[in-house]
mmCIF file of all heavy atoms, coordinates in Angstrom:
data_MODEL
# 
_entry.id   MODEL 
# 
loop_
_atom_site.group_PDB 
_atom_site.id 
_atom_site.type_symbol 
_atom_site.label_atom_id 
_atom_site.label_alt_id 
_atom_site.label_comp_id 
_atom_site.label_asym_id 
_atom_site.label_entity_id 
_atom_site.label_seq_id 
_atom_site.pdbx_PDB_ins_code 
_atom_site.Cartn_x 
_atom_site.Cartn_y 
_atom_site.Cartn_z 
_atom_site.occupancy 
_atom_site.B_iso_or_equiv 
_atom_site.pdbx_formal_charge 
_atom_site.auth_seq_id 
_atom_site.auth_comp_id 
_atom_site.auth_asym_id 
_atom_site.auth_atom_id 
_atom_site.pdbx_PDB_model_num 
ATOM 1   N N   . ASP A 1 1  ? -4.208 11.594 5.245   1.00 0.00 ? 1  ASP A N   1 
ATOM 2   C CA  . ASP A 1 1  ? -3.025 11.367 6.083   1.00 0.00 ? 1  ASP A CA  1 
ATOM 3   C C   . ASP A 1 1  ? -2.032 10.340 5.551   1.00 0.00 ? 1  ASP A C   1 
ATOM 4   O O   . ASP A 1 1  ? -0.961 10.557 5.572   1.00 0.00 ? 1  ASP A O   1 
ATOM 5   C CB  . ASP A 1 1  ? -3.506 10.761 7.486   1.00 0.00 ? 1  ASP A CB  1 
ATOM 6   C CG  . ASP A 1 1  ? -4.369 11.879 8.241   1.00 0.00 ? 1  ASP A CG  1 
ATOM 7   O OD1 . ASP A 1 1  ? -4.208 12.942 7.932   1.00 0.00 ? 1  ASP A OD1 1 
ATOM 8   O OD2 . ASP A 1 1  ? -5.126 11.461 9.135   1.00 0.00 ? 1  ASP A OD2 1 
ATOM 9   N N   . TYR A 1 2  ? -2.619 9.327  4.794   1.00 0.00 ? 2  TYR A N   1 
ATOM 10  C CA  . TYR A 1 2  ? -1.749 8.384  4.161   1.00 0.00 ? 2  TYR A CA  1 
ATOM 11  C C   . TYR A 1 2  ? -0.932 9.086  2.990   1.00 0.00 ? 2  TYR A C   1 
ATOM 12  O O   . TYR A 1 2  ? 0.193  8.926  2.762   1.00 0.00 ? 2  TYR A O   1 
ATOM 13  C CB  . TYR A 1 2  ? -2.667 7.266  3.531   1.00 0.00 ? 2  TYR A CB  1 
ATOM 14  C CG  . TYR A 1 2  ? -1.787 6.327  2.513   1.00 0.00 ? 2  TYR A CG  1 
ATOM 15  C CD1 . TYR A 1 2  ? -1.055 5.336  2.956   1.00 0.00 ? 2  TYR A CD1 1 
ATOM 16  C CD2 . TYR A 1 2  ? -1.822 6.686  1.133   1.00 0.00 ? 2  TYR A CD2 1 
ATOM 17  C CE1 . TYR A 1 2  ? -0.443 4.567  2.029   1.00 0.00 ? 2  TYR A CE1 1 
ATOM 18  C CE2 . TYR A 1 2  ? -1.128 5.924  0.258   1.00 0.00 ? 2  TYR A CE2 1 
ATOM 19  C CZ  . TYR A 1 2  ? -0.370 4.918  0.705   1.00 0.00 ? 2  TYR A CZ  1 
ATOM 20  O OH  . TYR A 1 2  ? 0.391  4.121  -0.322  1.00 0.00 ? 2  TYR A OH  1 
ATOM 21  N N   . SER A 1 3  ? -1.767 9.962  2.173   1.00 0.00 ? 3  SER A N   1 
ATOM 22  C CA  . SER A 1 3  ? -1.117 10.583 1.031   1.00 0.00 ? 3  SER A CA  1 
ATOM 23  C C   . SER A 1 3  ? 0.146  11.351 1.557   1.00 0.00 ? 3  SER A C   1 
ATOM 24  O O   . SER A 1 3  ? 1.172  11.368 0.768   1.00 0.00 ? 3  SER A O   1 
ATOM 25  C CB  . SER A 1 3  ? -2.093 11.504 0.327   1.00 0.00 ? 3  SER A CB  1 
ATOM 26  O OG  . SER A 1 3  ? -3.134 10.840 -0.114  1.00 0.00 ? 3  SER A OG  1 
ATOM 27  N N   . ILE A 1 4  ? 0.011  12.115 2.635   1.00 0.00 ? 4  ILE A N   1 
ATOM 28  C CA  . ILE A 1 4  ? 1.151  13.003 3.107   1.00 0.00 ? 4  ILE A CA  1 
ATOM 29  C C   . ILE A 1 4  ? 2.270  12.309 3.829   1.00 0.00 ? 4  ILE A C   1 
ATOM 30  O O   . ILE A 1 4  ? 3.383  12.494 3.714   1.00 0.00 ? 4  ILE A O   1 
ATOM 31  C CB  . ILE A 1 4  ? 0.509  14.158 3.795   1.00 0.00 ? 4  ILE A CB  1 
ATOM 32  C CG1 . ILE A 1 4  ? -0.384 15.064 2.792   1.00 0.00 ? 4  ILE A CG1 1 
ATOM 33  C CG2 . ILE A 1 4  ? 1.618  15.131 4.366   1.00 0.00 ? 4  ILE A CG2 1 
ATOM 34  C CD1 . ILE A 1 4  ? -1.126 16.136 3.504   1.00 0.00 ? 4  ILE A CD1 1 
ATOM 35  N N   . LYS A 1 5  ? 1.783  11.591 4.805   1.00 0.00 ? 5  LYS A N   1 
ATOM 36  C CA  . LYS A 1 5  ? 2.669  10.999 5.876   1.00 0.00 ? 5  LYS A CA  1 
ATOM 37  C C   . LYS A 1 5  ? 3.376  9.649  5.372   1.00 0.00 ? 5  LYS A C   1 
ATOM 38  O O   . LYS A 1 5  ? 4.376  9.371  5.874   1.00 0.00 ? 5  LYS A O   1 
ATOM 39  C CB  . LYS A 1 5  ? 1.845  10.621 7.154   1.00 0.00 ? 5  LYS A CB  1 
ATOM 40  C CG  . LYS A 1 5  ? 1.322  11.898 7.798   1.00 0.00 ? 5  LYS A CG  1 
ATOM 41  C CD  . LYS A 1 5  ? 0.525  11.633 9.040   1.00 0.00 ? 5  LYS A CD  1 
ATOM 42  C CE  . LYS A 1 5  ? -0.102 12.778 9.639   1.00 0.00 ? 5  LYS A CE  1 
ATOM 43  N NZ  . LYS A 1 5  ? -0.911 12.532 10.904  1.00 0.00 ? 5  LYS A NZ  1 
ATOM 44  N N   . ILE A 1 6  ? 2.631  8.940  4.501   1.00 0.00 ? 6  ILE A N   1 
ATOM 45  C CA  . ILE A 1 6  ? 3.092  7.594  4.105   1.00 0.00 ? 6  ILE A CA  1 
ATOM 46  C C   . ILE A 1 6  ? 3.620  7.560  2.577   1.00 0.00 ? 6  ILE A C   1 
ATOM 47  O O   . ILE A 1 6  ? 4.630  7.098  2.399   1.00 0.00 ? 6  ILE A O   1 
ATOM 48  C CB  . ILE A 1 6  ? 1.969  6.579  4.336   1.00 0.00 ? 6  ILE A CB  1 
ATOM 49  C CG1 . ILE A 1 6  ? 1.840  6.489  5.872   1.00 0.00 ? 6  ILE A CG1 1 
ATOM 50  C CG2 . ILE A 1 6  ? 2.556  5.163  3.741   1.00 0.00 ? 6  ILE A CG2 1 
ATOM 51  C CD1 . ILE A 1 6  ? 0.862  5.425  6.119   1.00 0.00 ? 6  ILE A CD1 1 
ATOM 52  N N   . HIS A 1 7  ? 2.830  8.111  1.693   1.00 0.00 ? 7  HIS A N   1 
ATOM 53  C CA  . HIS A 1 7  ? 3.134  7.921  0.315   1.00 0.00 ? 7  HIS A CA  1 
ATOM 54  C C   . HIS A 1 7  ? 4.061  9.029  -0.293  1.00 0.00 ? 7  HIS A C   1 
ATOM 55  O O   . HIS A 1 7  ? 4.792  8.871  -1.103  1.00 0.00 ? 7  HIS A O   1 
ATOM 56  C CB  . HIS A 1 7  ? 1.928  7.940  -0.508  1.00 0.00 ? 7  HIS A CB  1 
ATOM 57  C CG  . HIS A 1 7  ? 2.035  7.153  -1.818  1.00 0.00 ? 7  HIS A CG  1 
ATOM 58  N ND1 . HIS A 1 7  ? 1.689  5.912  -2.026  1.00 0.00 ? 7  HIS A ND1 1 
ATOM 59  C CD2 . HIS A 1 7  ? 2.724  7.633  -3.043  1.00 0.00 ? 7  HIS A CD2 1 
ATOM 60  C CE1 . HIS A 1 7  ? 1.904  5.495  -3.261  1.00 0.00 ? 7  HIS A CE1 1 
ATOM 61  N NE2 . HIS A 1 7  ? 2.529  6.601  -3.939  1.00 0.00 ? 7  HIS A NE2 1 
ATOM 62  N N   . GLN A 1 8  ? 3.844  10.362 0.225   1.00 0.00 ? 8  GLN A N   1 
ATOM 63  C CA  . GLN A 1 8  ? 4.623  11.524 -0.367  1.00 0.00 ? 8  GLN A CA  1 
ATOM 64  C C   . GLN A 1 8  ? 6.160  11.369 -0.198  1.00 0.00 ? 8  GLN A C   1 
ATOM 65  O O   . GLN A 1 8  ? 6.551  10.989 0.949   1.00 0.00 ? 8  GLN A O   1 
ATOM 66  C CB  . GLN A 1 8  ? 4.119  12.699 0.207   1.00 0.00 ? 8  GLN A CB  1 
ATOM 67  C CG  . GLN A 1 8  ? 4.605  14.001 -0.404  1.00 0.00 ? 8  GLN A CG  1 
ATOM 68  C CD  . GLN A 1 8  ? 3.989  15.286 0.071   1.00 0.00 ? 8  GLN A CD  1 
ATOM 69  O OE1 . GLN A 1 8  ? 3.508  15.315 1.142   1.00 0.00 ? 8  GLN A OE1 1 
ATOM 70  N NE2 . GLN A 1 8  ? 4.162  16.402 -0.785  1.00 0.00 ? 8  GLN A NE2 1 
ATOM 71  N N   . ASN A 1 9  ? 6.772  11.649 -1.241  1.00 0.00 ? 9  ASN A N   1 
ATOM 72  C CA  . ASN A 1 9  ? 8.280  11.648 -1.044  1.00 0.00 ? 9  ASN A CA  1 
ATOM 73  C C   . ASN A 1 9  ? 8.576  12.918 -0.235  1.00 0.00 ? 9  ASN A C   1 
ATOM 74  O O   . ASN A 1 9  ? 8.098  14.013 -0.516  1.00 0.00 ? 9  ASN A O   1 
ATOM 75  C CB  . ASN A 1 9  ? 8.981  11.792 -2.453  1.00 0.00 ? 9  ASN A CB  1 
ATOM 76  C CG  . ASN A 1 9  ? 10.447 11.584 -2.392  1.00 0.00 ? 9  ASN A CG  1 
ATOM 77  O OD1 . ASN A 1 9  ? 10.941 10.703 -1.581  1.00 0.00 ? 9  ASN A OD1 1 
ATOM 78  N ND2 . ASN A 1 9  ? 11.140 12.135 -3.375  1.00 0.00 ? 9  ASN A ND2 1 
ATOM 79  N N   . PRO A 1 10 ? 9.348  12.855 0.979   1.00 0.00 ? 10 PRO A N   1 
ATOM 80  C CA  . PRO A 1 10 ? 9.526  13.976 1.762   1.00 0.00 ? 10 PRO A CA  1 
ATOM 81  C C   . PRO A 1 10 ? 10.076 15.139 0.943   1.00 0.00 ? 10 PRO A C   1 
ATOM 82  O O   . PRO A 1 10 ? 10.931 15.060 0.099   1.00 0.00 ? 10 PRO A O   1 
ATOM 83  C CB  . PRO A 1 10 ? 10.594 13.470 2.687   1.00 0.00 ? 10 PRO A CB  1 
ATOM 84  C CG  . PRO A 1 10 ? 10.271 11.988 2.751   1.00 0.00 ? 10 PRO A CG  1 
ATOM 85  C CD  . PRO A 1 10 ? 9.978  11.685 1.339   1.00 0.00 ? 10 PRO A CD  1 
ATOM 86  N N   . TYR A 1 11 ? 9.387  16.332 1.124   1.00 0.00 ? 11 TYR A N   1 
ATOM 87  C CA  . TYR A 1 11 ? 9.632  17.679 0.657   1.00 0.00 ? 11 TYR A CA  1 
ATOM 88  C C   . TYR A 1 11 ? 9.587  17.555 -0.918  1.00 0.00 ? 11 TYR A C   1 
ATOM 89  O O   . TYR A 1 11 ? 10.148 18.406 -1.628  1.00 0.00 ? 11 TYR A O   1 
ATOM 90  C CB  . TYR A 1 11 ? 11.089 18.038 0.875   1.00 0.00 ? 11 TYR A CB  1 
ATOM 91  C CG  . TYR A 1 11 ? 11.284 17.938 2.343   1.00 0.00 ? 11 TYR A CG  1 
ATOM 92  C CD1 . TYR A 1 11 ? 12.248 16.981 2.911   1.00 0.00 ? 11 TYR A CD1 1 
ATOM 93  C CD2 . TYR A 1 11 ? 10.727 18.875 3.273   1.00 0.00 ? 11 TYR A CD2 1 
ATOM 94  C CE1 . TYR A 1 11 ? 12.448 16.852 4.255   1.00 0.00 ? 11 TYR A CE1 1 
ATOM 95  C CE2 . TYR A 1 11 ? 11.071 18.748 4.574   1.00 0.00 ? 11 TYR A CE2 1 
ATOM 96  C CZ  . TYR A 1 11 ? 11.874 17.909 5.100   1.00 0.00 ? 11 TYR A CZ  1 
ATOM 97  O OH  . TYR A 1 11 ? 12.158 17.669 6.417   1.00 0.00 ? 11 TYR A OH  1 
ATOM 98  N N   . GLY A 1 12 ? 8.804  16.683 -1.484  1.00 0.00 ? 12 GLY A N   1 
ATOM 99  C CA  . GLY A 1 12 ? 8.623  16.430 -2.880  1.00 0.00 ? 12 GLY A CA  1 
ATOM 100 C C   . GLY A 1 12 ? 7.159  16.056 -3.301  1.00 0.00 ? 12 GLY A C   1 
ATOM 101 O O   . GLY A 1 12 ? 6.179  16.290 -2.622  1.00 0.00 ? 12 GLY A O   1 
ATOM 102 N N   . GLY A 1 13 ? 7.038  15.435 -4.413  1.00 0.00 ? 13 GLY A N   1 
ATOM 103 C CA  . GLY A 1 13 ? 5.705  14.847 -4.930  1.00 0.00 ? 13 GLY A CA  1 
ATOM 104 C C   . GLY A 1 13 ? 5.507  13.400 -4.680  1.00 0.00 ? 13 GLY A C   1 
ATOM 105 O O   . GLY A 1 13 ? 5.778  12.875 -3.640  1.00 0.00 ? 13 GLY A O   1 
ATOM 106 N N   . TRP A 1 14 ? 4.830  12.821 -5.563  1.00 0.00 ? 14 TRP A N   1 
ATOM 107 C CA  . TRP A 1 14 ? 4.254  11.389 -5.440  1.00 0.00 ? 14 TRP A CA  1 
ATOM 108 C C   . TRP A 1 14 ? 4.704  10.648 -6.666  1.00 0.00 ? 14 TRP A C   1 
ATOM 109 O O   . TRP A 1 14 ? 4.818  11.220 -7.873  1.00 0.00 ? 14 TRP A O   1 
ATOM 110 C CB  . TRP A 1 14 ? 2.877  11.393 -5.281  1.00 0.00 ? 14 TRP A CB  1 
ATOM 111 C CG  . TRP A 1 14 ? 2.334  12.044 -3.925  1.00 0.00 ? 14 TRP A CG  1 
ATOM 112 C CD1 . TRP A 1 14 ? 2.159  11.337 -2.812  1.00 0.00 ? 14 TRP A CD1 1 
ATOM 113 C CD2 . TRP A 1 14 ? 2.139  13.441 -3.723  1.00 0.00 ? 14 TRP A CD2 1 
ATOM 114 N NE1 . TRP A 1 14 ? 1.707  12.190 -1.789  1.00 0.00 ? 14 TRP A NE1 1 
ATOM 115 C CE2 . TRP A 1 14 ? 1.704  13.455 -2.352  1.00 0.00 ? 14 TRP A CE2 1 
ATOM 116 C CE3 . TRP A 1 14 ? 2.109  14.582 -4.434  1.00 0.00 ? 14 TRP A CE3 1 
ATOM 117 C CZ2 . TRP A 1 14 ? 1.278  14.647 -1.786  1.00 0.00 ? 14 TRP A CZ2 1 
ATOM 118 C CZ3 . TRP A 1 14 ? 1.739  15.798 -3.829  1.00 0.00 ? 14 TRP A CZ3 1 
ATOM 119 C CH2 . TRP A 1 14 ? 1.335  15.787 -2.507  1.00 0.00 ? 14 TRP A CH2 1 
ATOM 120 N N   . ARG A 1 15 ? 4.635  9.339  -6.554  1.00 0.00 ? 15 ARG A N   1 
ATOM 121 C CA  . ARG A 1 15 ? 4.845  8.348  -7.706  1.00 0.00 ? 15 ARG A CA  1 
ATOM 122 C C   . ARG A 1 15 ? 3.980  7.151  -7.383  1.00 0.00 ? 15 ARG A C   1 
ATOM 123 O O   . ARG A 1 15 ? 3.168  7.104  -6.413  1.00 0.00 ? 15 ARG A O   1 
ATOM 124 C CB  . ARG A 1 15 ? 6.235  8.099  -8.018  1.00 0.00 ? 15 ARG A CB  1 
ATOM 125 C CG  . ARG A 1 15 ? 6.369  7.606  -9.444  1.00 0.00 ? 15 ARG A CG  1 
ATOM 126 C CD  . ARG A 1 15 ? 7.814  7.651  -9.990  1.00 0.00 ? 15 ARG A CD  1 
ATOM 127 N NE  . ARG A 1 15 ? 7.835  7.175  -11.352 1.00 0.00 ? 15 ARG A NE  1 
ATOM 128 C CZ  . ARG A 1 15 ? 8.960  7.250  -12.096 1.00 0.00 ? 15 ARG A CZ  1 
ATOM 129 N NH1 . ARG A 1 15 ? 10.048 7.983  -11.595 1.00 0.00 ? 15 ARG A NH1 1 
ATOM 130 N NH2 . ARG A 1 15 ? 8.899  6.948  -13.410 1.00 0.00 ? 15 ARG A NH2 1 
ATOM 131 N N   . TYR A 1 16 ? 4.182  6.021  -8.149  1.00 0.00 ? 16 TYR A N   1 
ATOM 132 C CA  . TYR A 1 16 ? 3.378  4.849  -7.805  1.00 0.00 ? 16 TYR A CA  1 
ATOM 133 C C   . TYR A 1 16 ? 3.537  4.265  -6.383  1.00 0.00 ? 16 TYR A C   1 
ATOM 134 O O   . TYR A 1 16 ? 2.676  3.901  -5.771  1.00 0.00 ? 16 TYR A O   1 
ATOM 135 C CB  . TYR A 1 16 ? 3.784  3.772  -8.949  1.00 0.00 ? 16 TYR A CB  1 
ATOM 136 C CG  . TYR A 1 16 ? 3.869  4.158  -10.292 1.00 0.00 ? 16 TYR A CG  1 
ATOM 137 C CD1 . TYR A 1 16 ? 4.989  3.872  -11.071 1.00 0.00 ? 16 TYR A CD1 1 
ATOM 138 C CD2 . TYR A 1 16 ? 2.816  4.965  -10.926 1.00 0.00 ? 16 TYR A CD2 1 
ATOM 139 C CE1 . TYR A 1 16 ? 5.038  4.322  -12.534 1.00 0.00 ? 16 TYR A CE1 1 
ATOM 140 C CE2 . TYR A 1 16 ? 2.903  5.377  -12.304 1.00 0.00 ? 16 TYR A CE2 1 
ATOM 141 C CZ  . TYR A 1 16 ? 4.051  4.954  -12.958 1.00 0.00 ? 16 TYR A CZ  1 
ATOM 142 O OH  . TYR A 1 16 ? 4.029  5.343  -14.173 1.00 0.00 ? 16 TYR A OH  1 
ATOM 143 N N   . ASP A 1 17 ? 4.851  4.128  -6.023  1.00 0.00 ? 17 ASP A N   1 
ATOM 144 C CA  . ASP A 1 17 ? 5.234  3.648  -4.809  1.00 0.00 ? 17 ASP A CA  1 
ATOM 145 C C   . ASP A 1 17 ? 5.385  4.834  -3.788  1.00 0.00 ? 17 ASP A C   1 
ATOM 146 O O   . ASP A 1 17 ? 5.608  5.983  -4.167  1.00 0.00 ? 17 ASP A O   1 
ATOM 147 C CB  . ASP A 1 17 ? 6.625  2.820  -4.931  1.00 0.00 ? 17 ASP A CB  1 
ATOM 148 C CG  . ASP A 1 17 ? 6.454  1.481  -5.475  1.00 0.00 ? 17 ASP A CG  1 
ATOM 149 O OD1 . ASP A 1 17 ? 5.353  1.042  -5.640  1.00 0.00 ? 17 ASP A OD1 1 
ATOM 150 O OD2 . ASP A 1 17 ? 7.449  1.012  -6.001  1.00 0.00 ? 17 ASP A OD2 1 
ATOM 151 N N   . ALA A 1 18 ? 5.338  4.426  -2.467  1.00 0.00 ? 18 ALA A N   1 
ATOM 152 C CA  . ALA A 1 18 ? 5.583  5.427  -1.423  1.00 0.00 ? 18 ALA A CA  1 
ATOM 153 C C   . ALA A 1 18 ? 7.025  5.887  -1.344  1.00 0.00 ? 18 ALA A C   1 
ATOM 154 O O   . ALA A 1 18 ? 7.931  4.925  -1.468  1.00 0.00 ? 18 ALA A O   1 
ATOM 155 C CB  . ALA A 1 18 ? 5.093  4.825  -0.087  1.00 0.00 ? 18 ALA A CB  1 
ATOM 156 N N   . LYS A 1 19 ? 7.258  7.169  -1.265  1.00 0.00 ? 19 LYS A N   1 
ATOM 157 C CA  . LYS A 1 19 ? 8.426  7.794  -0.826  1.00 0.00 ? 19 LYS A CA  1 
ATOM 158 C C   . LYS A 1 19 ? 9.575  7.312  -1.855  1.00 0.00 ? 19 LYS A C   1 
ATOM 159 O O   . LYS A 1 19 ? 10.606 7.216  -1.459  1.00 0.00 ? 19 LYS A O   1 
ATOM 160 C CB  . LYS A 1 19 ? 8.790  7.349  0.578   1.00 0.00 ? 19 LYS A CB  1 
ATOM 161 C CG  . LYS A 1 19 ? 8.001  7.940  1.725   1.00 0.00 ? 19 LYS A CG  1 
ATOM 162 C CD  . LYS A 1 19 ? 8.564  7.628  3.061   1.00 0.00 ? 19 LYS A CD  1 
ATOM 163 C CE  . LYS A 1 19 ? 7.702  8.076  4.142   1.00 0.00 ? 19 LYS A CE  1 
ATOM 164 N NZ  . LYS A 1 19 ? 6.900  9.099  4.119   1.00 0.00 ? 19 LYS A NZ  1 
ATOM 165 N N   . VAL A 1 20 ? 9.225  7.498  -3.133  1.00 0.00 ? 20 VAL A N   1 
ATOM 166 C CA  . VAL A 1 20 ? 10.245 7.287  -4.127  1.00 0.00 ? 20 VAL A CA  1 
ATOM 167 C C   . VAL A 1 20 ? 10.281 8.504  -5.052  1.00 0.00 ? 20 VAL A C   1 
ATOM 168 O O   . VAL A 1 20 ? 9.378  9.461  -4.881  1.00 0.00 ? 20 VAL A O   1 
ATOM 169 C CB  . VAL A 1 20 ? 9.896  6.055  -5.100  1.00 0.00 ? 20 VAL A CB  1 
ATOM 170 C CG1 . VAL A 1 20 ? 9.918  4.785  -4.301  1.00 0.00 ? 20 VAL A CG1 1 
ATOM 171 C CG2 . VAL A 1 20 ? 8.552  6.245  -5.818  1.00 0.00 ? 20 VAL A CG2 1 
ATOM 172 N N   . SER A 1 21 ? 11.130 8.505  -6.096  1.00 0.00 ? 21 SER A N   1 
ATOM 173 C CA  . SER A 1 21 ? 11.372 9.848  -6.892  1.00 0.00 ? 21 SER A CA  1 
ATOM 174 C C   . SER A 1 21 ? 9.951  9.995  -7.642  1.00 0.00 ? 21 SER A C   1 
ATOM 175 O O   . SER A 1 21 ? 9.335  9.101  -8.125  1.00 0.00 ? 21 SER A O   1 
ATOM 176 C CB  . SER A 1 21 ? 12.392 9.605  -7.835  1.00 0.00 ? 21 SER A CB  1 
ATOM 177 O OG  . SER A 1 21 ? 12.227 8.501  -8.673  1.00 0.00 ? 21 SER A OG  1 
ATOM 178 N N   . GLU A 1 22 ? 9.659  11.325 -7.697  1.00 0.00 ? 22 GLU A N   1 
ATOM 179 C CA  . GLU A 1 22 ? 8.387  11.660 -8.082  1.00 0.00 ? 22 GLU A CA  1 
ATOM 180 C C   . GLU A 1 22 ? 8.054  11.792 -9.542  1.00 0.00 ? 22 GLU A C   1 
ATOM 181 O O   . GLU A 1 22 ? 9.078  11.799 -10.307 1.00 0.00 ? 22 GLU A O   1 
ATOM 182 C CB  . GLU A 1 22 ? 7.964  13.123 -7.551  1.00 0.00 ? 22 GLU A CB  1 
ATOM 183 C CG  . GLU A 1 22 ? 8.430  13.376 -6.080  1.00 0.00 ? 22 GLU A CG  1 
ATOM 184 C CD  . GLU A 1 22 ? 9.791  13.887 -5.974  1.00 0.00 ? 22 GLU A CD  1 
ATOM 185 O OE1 . GLU A 1 22 ? 10.722 13.536 -6.735  1.00 0.00 ? 22 GLU A OE1 1 
ATOM 186 O OE2 . GLU A 1 22 ? 9.901  14.855 -5.173  1.00 0.00 ? 22 GLU A OE2 1 
ATOM 187 N N   . ASP A 1 23 ? 6.866  11.827 -10.042 1.00 0.00 ? 23 ASP A N   1 
ATOM 188 C CA  . ASP A 1 23 ? 6.591  12.173 -11.425 1.00 0.00 ? 23 ASP A CA  1 
ATOM 189 C C   . ASP A 1 23 ? 5.350  13.102 -11.374 1.00 0.00 ? 23 ASP A C   1 
ATOM 190 O O   . ASP A 1 23 ? 4.503  13.184 -10.613 1.00 0.00 ? 23 ASP A O   1 
ATOM 191 C CB  . ASP A 1 23 ? 6.353  10.962 -12.421 1.00 0.00 ? 23 ASP A CB  1 
ATOM 192 C CG  . ASP A 1 23 ? 5.137  10.229 -12.086 1.00 0.00 ? 23 ASP A CG  1 
ATOM 193 O OD1 . ASP A 1 23 ? 4.024  10.808 -12.123 1.00 0.00 ? 23 ASP A OD1 1 
ATOM 194 O OD2 . ASP A 1 23 ? 5.108  8.996  -11.775 1.00 0.00 ? 23 ASP A OD2 1 
ATOM 195 N N   . THR A 1 24 ? 5.295  13.948 -12.427 1.00 0.00 ? 24 THR A N   1 
ATOM 196 C CA  . THR A 1 24 ? 4.286  14.904 -12.593 1.00 0.00 ? 24 THR A CA  1 
ATOM 197 C C   . THR A 1 24 ? 2.821  14.315 -12.647 1.00 0.00 ? 24 THR A C   1 
ATOM 198 O O   . THR A 1 24 ? 1.797  14.814 -12.030 1.00 0.00 ? 24 THR A O   1 
ATOM 199 C CB  . THR A 1 24 ? 4.528  15.924 -13.780 1.00 0.00 ? 24 THR A CB  1 
ATOM 200 O OG1 . THR A 1 24 ? 5.878  16.519 -13.657 1.00 0.00 ? 24 THR A OG1 1 
ATOM 201 C CG2 . THR A 1 24 ? 3.521  16.981 -13.934 1.00 0.00 ? 24 THR A CG2 1 
# 
């Protein structure tokens, strides 16, 4: 739940911080 609701950039992927521009 944390991964999707809190950390994932909306409609995108993930990076070090929550909800920031993603990296592969």
